[in-house]
């Protein structure tokens, strides 16, 4: 995954159950745009990264 793509990720792009990230957008020249390939793609992530992102998502949600 390119740096601009990683910077543009949103929680809805991350699927921790299937260990996949959907790349739909990227930052380029300080603008949000489609990825360099001009279309989205799905990339695999390790189970360790999926666990870490799941914990971060829980921590990021507002406490009630």
PDB file of N, CA and C in Angstrom:
ATOM      1  N   UNK A   1       0.851  -1.170   0.000  1.00  0.00           N
ATOM      2  CA  UNK A   1       0.000   0.000   0.000  1.00  0.00           C
ATOM      3  C   UNK A   1       0.901   1.238   0.000  1.00  0.00           C
ATOM      4  N   UNK A   2       0.543   2.200  -0.814  1.00  0.00           N
ATOM      5  CA  UNK A   2       1.303   3.446  -0.892  1.00  0.00           C
ATOM      6  C   UNK A   2       0.966   4.344   0.305  1.00  0.00           C
ATOM      7  N   UNK A   3       1.889   5.232   0.672  1.00  0.00           N
ATOM      8  CA  UNK A   3       1.698   6.108   1.818  1.00  0.00           C
ATOM      9  C   UNK A   3       0.438   6.956   1.675  1.00  0.00           C
ATOM     10  N   UNK A   4       0.211   7.554   0.521  1.00  0.00           N
ATOM     11  CA  UNK A   4      -0.974   8.379   0.297  1.00  0.00           C
ATOM     12  C   UNK A   4      -2.264   7.595   0.453  1.00  0.00           C
ATOM     13  N   UNK A   5      -2.237   6.313   0.073  1.00  0.00           N
ATOM     14  CA  UNK A   5      -3.407   5.451   0.240  1.00  0.00           C
ATOM     15  C   UNK A   5      -3.649   5.159   1.718  1.00  0.00           C
ATOM     16  N   UNK A   6      -2.581   4.883   2.437  1.00  0.00           N
ATOM     17  CA  UNK A   6      -2.706   4.603   3.873  1.00  0.00           C
ATOM     18  C   UNK A   6      -3.218   5.829   4.619  1.00  0.00           C
ATOM     19  N   UNK A   7      -2.772   6.994   4.238  1.00  0.00           N
ATOM     20  CA  UNK A   7      -3.203   8.223   4.910  1.00  0.00           C
ATOM     21  C   UNK A   7      -4.680   8.520   4.657  1.00  0.00           C
ATOM     22  N   UNK A   8      -5.233   8.015   3.586  1.00  0.00           N
ATOM     23  CA  UNK A   8      -6.629   8.287   3.230  1.00  0.00           C
ATOM     24  C   UNK A   8      -7.599   7.216   3.729  1.00  0.00           C
ATOM     25  N   UNK A   9      -7.103   6.213   4.447  1.00  0.00           N
ATOM     26  CA  UNK A   9      -7.980   5.144   4.921  1.00  0.00           C
ATOM     27  C   UNK A   9      -9.017   5.652   5.911  1.00  0.00           C
ATOM     28  N   UNK A  10     -10.163   4.996   5.882  1.00  0.00           N
ATOM     29  CA  UNK A  10     -11.234   5.260   6.836  1.00  0.00           C
ATOM     30  C   UNK A  10     -11.586   3.925   7.484  1.00  0.00           C
ATOM     31  N   UNK A  11     -12.203   3.991   8.676  1.00  0.00           N
ATOM     32  CA  UNK A  11     -12.538   2.745   9.370  1.00  0.00           C
ATOM     33  C   UNK A  11     -13.408   1.841   8.500  1.00  0.00           C
ATOM     34  N   UNK A  12     -14.247   2.417   7.671  1.00  0.00           N
ATOM     35  CA  UNK A  12     -15.122   1.593   6.828  1.00  0.00           C
ATOM     36  C   UNK A  12     -14.340   0.811   5.766  1.00  0.00           C
ATOM     37  N   UNK A  13     -13.084   1.165   5.527  1.00  0.00           N
ATOM     38  CA  UNK A  13     -12.240   0.458   4.556  1.00  0.00           C
ATOM     39  C   UNK A  13     -11.600  -0.799   5.139  1.00  0.00           C
ATOM     40  N   UNK A  14     -11.651  -0.926   6.463  1.00  0.00           N
ATOM     41  CA  UNK A  14     -10.946  -2.003   7.162  1.00  0.00           C
ATOM     42  C   UNK A  14     -11.933  -3.103   7.547  1.00  0.00           C
ATOM     43  N   UNK A  15     -11.612  -4.330   7.163  1.00  0.00           N
ATOM     44  CA  UNK A  15     -12.413  -5.491   7.557  1.00  0.00           C
ATOM     45  C   UNK A  15     -11.508  -6.415   8.367  1.00  0.00           C
ATOM     46  N   UNK A  16     -11.594  -6.310   9.689  1.00  0.00           N
ATOM     47  CA  UNK A  16     -10.706  -7.093  10.553  1.00  0.00           C
ATOM     48  C   UNK A  16     -11.063  -8.576  10.544  1.00  0.00           C
ATOM     49  N   UNK A  17     -12.316  -8.906  10.274  1.00  0.00           N
ATOM     50  CA  UNK A  17     -12.713 -10.318  10.259  1.00  0.00           C
ATOM     51  C   UNK A  17     -12.105 -11.081   9.088  1.00  0.00           C
ATOM     52  N   UNK A  18     -12.023 -10.431   7.934  1.00  0.00           N
ATOM     53  CA  UNK A  18     -11.432 -11.095   6.763  1.00  0.00           C
ATOM     54  C   UNK A  18      -9.976 -10.683   6.536  1.00  0.00           C
ATOM     55  N   UNK A  19      -9.438  -9.846   7.432  1.00  0.00           N
ATOM     56  CA  UNK A  19      -8.041  -9.374   7.342  1.00  0.00           C
ATOM     57  C   UNK A  19      -7.759  -8.715   5.994  1.00  0.00           C
ATOM     58  N   UNK A  20      -8.658  -7.814   5.590  1.00  0.00           N
ATOM     59  CA  UNK A  20      -8.512  -7.113   4.319  1.00  0.00           C
ATOM     60  C   UNK A  20      -8.752  -5.617   4.496  1.00  0.00           C
ATOM     61  N   UNK A  21      -8.102  -4.849   3.642  1.00  0.00           N
ATOM     62  CA  UNK A  21      -8.291  -3.402   3.583  1.00  0.00           C
ATOM     63  C   UNK A  21      -8.676  -3.058   2.155  1.00  0.00           C
ATOM     64  N   UNK A  22      -9.723  -2.278   2.003  1.00  0.00           N
ATOM     65  CA  UNK A  22     -10.167  -1.830   0.679  1.00  0.00           C
ATOM     66  C   UNK A  22      -9.566  -0.454   0.425  1.00  0.00           C
ATOM     67  N   UNK A  23      -8.765  -0.330  -0.623  1.00  0.00           N
ATOM     68  CA  UNK A  23      -8.130   0.930  -0.996  1.00  0.00           C
ATOM     69  C   UNK A  23      -9.012   1.608  -2.035  1.00  0.00           C
ATOM     70  N   UNK A  24      -9.663   2.685  -1.654  1.00  0.00           N
ATOM     71  CA  UNK A  24     -10.601   3.391  -2.526  1.00  0.00           C
ATOM     72  C   UNK A  24     -10.154   4.807  -2.859  1.00  0.00           C
ATOM     73  N   UNK A  25      -9.237   5.353  -2.056  1.00  0.00           N
ATOM     74  CA  UNK A  25      -8.839   6.758  -2.231  1.00  0.00           C
ATOM     75  C   UNK A  25      -7.394   6.931  -1.791  1.00  0.00           C
ATOM     76  N   UNK A  26      -6.807   8.058  -2.180  1.00  0.00           N
ATOM     77  CA  UNK A  26      -5.427   8.361  -1.815  1.00  0.00           C
ATOM     78  C   UNK A  26      -5.235   9.869  -1.753  1.00  0.00           C
ATOM     79  N   UNK A  27      -4.310  10.289  -0.903  1.00  0.00           N
ATOM     80  CA  UNK A  27      -3.904  11.689  -0.903  1.00  0.00           C
ATOM     81  C   UNK A  27      -2.774  11.839  -1.905  1.00  0.00           C
ATOM     82  N   UNK A  28      -2.904  12.830  -2.774  1.00  0.00           N
ATOM     83  CA  UNK A  28      -1.872  13.136  -3.757  1.00  0.00           C
ATOM     84  C   UNK A  28      -1.886  14.632  -4.002  1.00  0.00           C
ATOM     85  N   UNK A  29      -0.746  15.263  -3.876  1.00  0.00           N
ATOM     86  CA  UNK A  29      -0.640  16.715  -4.040  1.00  0.00           C
ATOM     87  C   UNK A  29      -1.638  17.433  -3.126  1.00  0.00           C
ATOM     88  N   UNK A  30      -1.742  16.931  -1.893  1.00  0.00           N
ATOM     89  CA  UNK A  30      -2.614  17.511  -0.862  1.00  0.00           C
ATOM     90  C   UNK A  30      -4.102  17.442  -1.196  1.00  0.00           C
ATOM     91  N   UNK A  31      -4.467  16.580  -2.123  1.00  0.00           N
ATOM     92  CA  UNK A  31      -5.875  16.412  -2.492  1.00  0.00           C
ATOM     93  C   UNK A  31      -6.258  14.948  -2.361  1.00  0.00           C
ATOM     94  N   UNK A  32      -7.508  14.719  -2.024  1.00  0.00           N
ATOM     95  CA  UNK A  32      -8.038  13.366  -1.957  1.00  0.00           C
ATOM     96  C   UNK A  32      -8.507  12.969  -3.353  1.00  0.00           C
ATOM     97  N   UNK A  33      -8.026  11.834  -3.822  1.00  0.00           N
ATOM     98  CA  UNK A  33      -8.350  11.395  -5.182  1.00  0.00           C
ATOM     99  C   UNK A  33      -8.423   9.868  -5.220  1.00  0.00           C
ATOM    100  N   UNK A  34      -8.660   9.323  -6.394  1.00  0.00           N
ATOM    101  CA  UNK A  34      -8.627   7.868  -6.553  1.00  0.00           C
ATOM    102  C   UNK A  34      -7.174   7.415  -6.490  1.00  0.00           C
ATOM    103  N   UNK A  35      -6.950   6.135  -6.195  1.00  0.00           N
ATOM    104  CA  UNK A  35      -5.571   5.637  -6.156  1.00  0.00           C
ATOM    105  C   UNK A  35      -4.872   5.794  -7.506  1.00  0.00           C
ATOM    106  N   UNK A  36      -3.563   5.656  -7.461  1.00  0.00           N
ATOM    107  CA  UNK A  36      -2.746   5.824  -8.665  1.00  0.00           C
ATOM    108  C   UNK A  36      -3.220   4.929  -9.813  1.00  0.00           C
ATOM    109  N   UNK A  37      -3.723   3.748  -9.473  1.00  0.00           N
ATOM    110  CA  UNK A  37      -4.184   2.813 -10.503  1.00  0.00           C
ATOM    111  C   UNK A  37      -5.541   3.208 -11.098  1.00  0.00           C
ATOM    112  N   UNK A  38      -6.152   4.260 -10.542  1.00  0.00           N
ATOM    113  CA  UNK A  38      -7.433   4.804 -10.993  1.00  0.00           C
ATOM    114  C   UNK A  38      -8.649   3.980 -10.571  1.00  0.00           C
ATOM    115  N   UNK A  39      -8.431   2.876  -9.864  1.00  0.00           N
ATOM    116  CA  UNK A  39      -9.557   2.091  -9.344  1.00  0.00           C
ATOM    117  C   UNK A  39      -9.137   1.479  -8.016  1.00  0.00           C
ATOM    118  N   UNK A  40     -10.107   1.125  -7.219  1.00  0.00           N
ATOM    119  CA  UNK A  40      -9.824   0.550  -5.917  1.00  0.00           C
ATOM    120  C   UNK A  40      -9.326  -0.876  -6.020  1.00  0.00           C
ATOM    121  N   UNK A  41      -8.780  -1.327  -4.910  1.00  0.00           N
ATOM    122  CA  UNK A  41      -8.326  -2.709  -4.841  1.00  0.00           C
ATOM    123  C   UNK A  41      -8.370  -3.154  -3.379  1.00  0.00           C
ATOM    124  N   UNK A  42      -8.305  -4.450  -3.166  1.00  0.00           N
ATOM    125  CA  UNK A  42      -8.301  -5.006  -1.819  1.00  0.00           C
ATOM    126  C   UNK A  42      -6.914  -5.551  -1.529  1.00  0.00           C
ATOM    127  N   UNK A  43      -6.397  -5.226  -0.346  1.00  0.00           N
ATOM    128  CA  UNK A  43      -5.087  -5.735   0.064  1.00  0.00           C
ATOM    129  C   UNK A  43      -5.252  -6.542   1.348  1.00  0.00           C
ATOM    130  N   UNK A  44      -4.446  -7.566   1.485  1.00  0.00           N
ATOM    131  CA  UNK A  44      -4.454  -8.396   2.680  1.00  0.00           C
ATOM    132  C   UNK A  44      -3.680  -7.711   3.794  1.00  0.00           C
ATOM    133  N   UNK A  45      -4.059  -8.024   5.042  1.00  0.00           N
ATOM    134  CA  UNK A  45      -3.275  -7.563   6.184  1.00  0.00           C
ATOM    135  C   UNK A  45      -3.043  -8.748   7.112  1.00  0.00           C
ATOM    136  N   UNK A  46      -2.005  -8.655   7.899  1.00  0.00           N
ATOM    137  CA  UNK A  46      -1.682  -9.734   8.825  1.00  0.00           C
ATOM    138  C   UNK A  46      -2.721  -9.785   9.941  1.00  0.00           C
ATOM    139  N   UNK A  47      -2.817 -10.929  10.583  1.00  0.00           N
ATOM    140  CA  UNK A  47      -3.753 -11.059  11.700  1.00  0.00           C
ATOM    141  C   UNK A  47      -3.327 -10.160  12.857  1.00  0.00           C
ATOM    142  N   UNK A  48      -2.026  -9.950  13.024  1.00  0.00           N
ATOM    143  CA  UNK A  48      -1.541  -9.057  14.087  1.00  0.00           C
ATOM    144  C   UNK A  48      -2.004  -7.623  13.830  1.00  0.00           C
ATOM    145  N   UNK A  49      -1.927  -7.177  12.582  1.00  0.00           N
ATOM    146  CA  UNK A  49      -2.400  -5.832  12.247  1.00  0.00           C
ATOM    147  C   UNK A  49      -3.914  -5.741  12.440  1.00  0.00           C
ATOM    148  N   UNK A  50      -4.642  -6.771  12.046  1.00  0.00           N
ATOM    149  CA  UNK A  50      -6.098  -6.770  12.217  1.00  0.00           C
ATOM    150  C   UNK A  50      -6.469  -6.650  13.691  1.00  0.00           C
ATOM    151  N   UNK A  51      -5.771  -7.381  14.556  1.00  0.00           N
ATOM    152  CA  UNK A  51      -6.029  -7.294  15.996  1.00  0.00           C
ATOM    153  C   UNK A  51      -5.731  -5.895  16.528  1.00  0.00           C
ATOM    154  N   UNK A  52      -4.628  -5.325  16.097  1.00  0.00           N
ATOM    155  CA  UNK A  52      -4.249  -3.984  16.547  1.00  0.00           C
ATOM    156  C   UNK A  52      -5.264  -2.949  16.093  1.00  0.00           C
ATOM    157  N   UNK A  53      -5.694  -3.024  14.839  1.00  0.00           N
ATOM    158  CA  UNK A  53      -6.676  -2.069  14.327  1.00  0.00           C
ATOM    159  C   UNK A  53      -8.026  -2.238  15.015  1.00  0.00           C
ATOM    160  N   UNK A  54      -8.397  -3.466  15.340  1.00  0.00           N
ATOM    161  CA  UNK A  54      -9.653  -3.698  16.053  1.00  0.00           C
ATOM    162  C   UNK A  54      -9.609  -3.024  17.423  1.00  0.00           C
ATOM    163  N   UNK A  55      -8.486  -3.150  18.129  1.00  0.00           N
ATOM    164  CA  UNK A  55      -8.342  -2.491  19.434  1.00  0.00           C
ATOM    165  C   UNK A  55      -8.360  -0.981  19.288  1.00  0.00           C
ATOM    166  N   UNK A  56      -7.677  -0.457  18.274  1.00  0.00           N
ATOM    167  CA  UNK A  56      -7.657   0.992  18.057  1.00  0.00           C
ATOM    168  C   UNK A  56      -9.044   1.532  17.737  1.00  0.00           C
ATOM    169  N   UNK A  57      -9.798   0.785  16.945  1.00  0.00           N
ATOM    170  CA  UNK A  57     -11.153   1.235  16.594  1.00  0.00           C
ATOM    171  C   UNK A  57     -12.034   1.297  17.843  1.00  0.00           C
ATOM    172  N   UNK A  58     -11.918   0.302  18.695  1.00  0.00           N
ATOM    173  CA  UNK A  58     -12.690   0.297  19.945  1.00  0.00           C
ATOM    174  C   UNK A  58     -12.293   1.487  20.812  1.00  0.00           C
ATOM    175  N   UNK A  59     -10.990   1.742  20.929  1.00  0.00           N
ATOM    176  CA  UNK A  59     -10.499   2.862  21.740  1.00  0.00           C
ATOM    177  C   UNK A  59     -10.898   4.206  21.160  1.00  0.00           C
ATOM    178  N   UNK A  60     -11.075   4.290  19.838  1.00  0.00           N
ATOM    179  CA  UNK A  60     -11.401   5.559  19.186  1.00  0.00           C
ATOM    180  C   UNK A  60     -12.872   5.929  19.321  1.00  0.00           C
ATOM    181  N   UNK A  61     -13.708   4.951  19.605  1.00  0.00           N
ATOM    182  CA  UNK A  61     -15.153   5.234  19.744  1.00  0.00           C
ATOM    183  C   UNK A  61     -15.391   6.014  21.028  1.00  0.00           C
ATOM    184  N   UNK A  62     -16.288   7.002  20.960  1.00  0.00           N
ATOM    185  CA  UNK A  62     -16.603   7.787  22.160  1.00  0.00           C
ATOM    186  C   UNK A  62     -17.163   6.907  23.271  1.00  0.00           C
ATOM    187  N   UNK A  63     -16.714   7.176  24.480  1.00  0.00           N
ATOM    188  CA  UNK A  63     -17.220   6.436  25.641  1.00  0.00           C
ATOM    189  C   UNK A  63     -18.544   7.028  26.078  1.00  0.00           C
ATOM    190  N   UNK A  64     -19.489   6.188  26.451  1.00  0.00           N
ATOM    191  CA  UNK A  64     -20.803   6.676  26.897  1.00  0.00           C
ATOM    192  C   UNK A  64     -20.930   6.567  28.389  1.00  0.00           C
TER     193      UNK A  64
END
